[in-house]
């Protein structure tokens, strides 16, 4: 799995966990989901920057 795919997977996992937390009214799960999504966003941004400097 490439780094870009890992970023997409983390984003999707975070979105799912956040939605589940909202449905279950579980604030810690919502926060954890948001943190995972943010981590995926950061990883994706890092990969884009790396690709930009390769060119």
C-alpha atoms as a PDB file:
ATOM      1  CA  UNK A   1       0.000   0.000   0.000  1.00  0.00           C
ATOM      2  CA  UNK A   2       1.463   3.326  -1.052  1.00  0.00           C
ATOM      3  CA  UNK A   3       1.567   6.364   1.220  1.00  0.00           C
ATOM      4  CA  UNK A   4      -1.203   8.020  -0.791  1.00  0.00           C
ATOM      5  CA  UNK A   5      -3.429   4.999  -0.311  1.00  0.00           C
ATOM      6  CA  UNK A   6      -2.674   4.991   3.419  1.00  0.00           C
ATOM      7  CA  UNK A   7      -3.730   8.637   3.618  1.00  0.00           C
ATOM      8  CA  UNK A   8      -7.027   7.902   1.853  1.00  0.00           C
ATOM      9  CA  UNK A   9      -7.629   4.896   4.114  1.00  0.00           C
ATOM     10  CA  UNK A  10      -6.996   6.964   7.271  1.00  0.00           C
ATOM     11  CA  UNK A  11      -9.336   9.676   6.022  1.00  0.00           C
ATOM     12  CA  UNK A  12     -12.095   7.164   5.289  1.00  0.00           C
ATOM     13  CA  UNK A  13     -11.600   5.405   8.628  1.00  0.00           C
ATOM     14  CA  UNK A  14     -11.751   8.746  10.441  1.00  0.00           C
ATOM     15  CA  UNK A  15     -14.913   9.808   8.620  1.00  0.00           C
ATOM     16  CA  UNK A  16     -16.593   6.494   9.424  1.00  0.00           C
ATOM     17  CA  UNK A  17     -15.600   6.596  13.095  1.00  0.00           C
ATOM     18  CA  UNK A  18     -16.750  10.212  13.384  1.00  0.00           C
ATOM     19  CA  UNK A  19     -20.130   9.432  11.791  1.00  0.00           C
ATOM     20  CA  UNK A  20     -20.573   6.407  14.041  1.00  0.00           C
ATOM     21  CA  UNK A  21     -19.731   8.512  17.088  1.00  0.00           C
ATOM     22  CA  UNK A  22     -22.268  11.138  16.081  1.00  0.00           C
ATOM     23  CA  UNK A  23     -24.976   8.528  15.550  1.00  0.00           C
ATOM     24  CA  UNK A  24     -24.234   6.920  18.917  1.00  0.00           C
ATOM     25  CA  UNK A  25     -23.794  10.315  20.629  1.00  0.00           C
ATOM     26  CA  UNK A  26     -20.318   9.261  21.715  1.00  0.00           C
ATOM     27  CA  UNK A  27     -18.199  12.423  21.942  1.00  0.00           C
ATOM     28  CA  UNK A  28     -14.843  10.667  22.503  1.00  0.00           C
ATOM     29  CA  UNK A  29     -15.411   8.558  19.384  1.00  0.00           C
ATOM     30  CA  UNK A  30     -16.257  11.682  17.373  1.00  0.00           C
ATOM     31  CA  UNK A  31     -13.036  13.327  18.545  1.00  0.00           C
ATOM     32  CA  UNK A  32     -11.005  10.213  17.775  1.00  0.00           C
ATOM     33  CA  UNK A  33     -12.527  10.018  14.300  1.00  0.00           C
ATOM     34  CA  UNK A  34     -11.723  13.671  13.634  1.00  0.00           C
ATOM     35  CA  UNK A  35      -8.146  13.116  14.790  1.00  0.00           C
ATOM     36  CA  UNK A  36      -7.712  10.158  12.426  1.00  0.00           C
ATOM     37  CA  UNK A  37      -9.162  12.136   9.529  1.00  0.00           C
ATOM     38  CA  UNK A  38      -6.815  15.031  10.283  1.00  0.00           C
ATOM     39  CA  UNK A  39      -3.880  12.630  10.391  1.00  0.00           C
ATOM     40  CA  UNK A  40      -4.873  11.322   6.963  1.00  0.00           C
ATOM     41  CA  UNK A  41      -5.212  14.883   5.638  1.00  0.00           C
ATOM     42  CA  UNK A  42      -1.726  15.723   6.911  1.00  0.00           C
ATOM     43  CA  UNK A  43      -0.241  12.582   5.366  1.00  0.00           C
ATOM     44  CA  UNK A  44      -1.879  13.394   2.042  1.00  0.00           C
ATOM     45  CA  UNK A  45      -0.559  16.970   2.122  1.00  0.00           C
ATOM     46  CA  UNK A  46       2.933  15.642   2.866  1.00  0.00           C
ATOM     47  CA  UNK A  47       2.743  13.278  -0.111  1.00  0.00           C
ATOM     48  CA  UNK A  48       1.587  16.076  -2.412  1.00  0.00           C
ATOM     49  CA  UNK A  49       4.511  18.257  -1.326  1.00  0.00           C
ATOM     50  CA  UNK A  50       6.919  15.387  -1.870  1.00  0.00           C
ATOM     51  CA  UNK A  51       5.534  14.824  -5.367  1.00  0.00           C
ATOM     52  CA  UNK A  52       5.791  18.520  -6.163  1.00  0.00           C
ATOM     53  CA  UNK A  53       9.514  18.569  -5.328  1.00  0.00           C
ATOM     54  CA  UNK A  54      10.195  15.405  -7.354  1.00  0.00           C
ATOM     55  CA  UNK A  55       9.219  17.196 -10.563  1.00  0.00           C
END
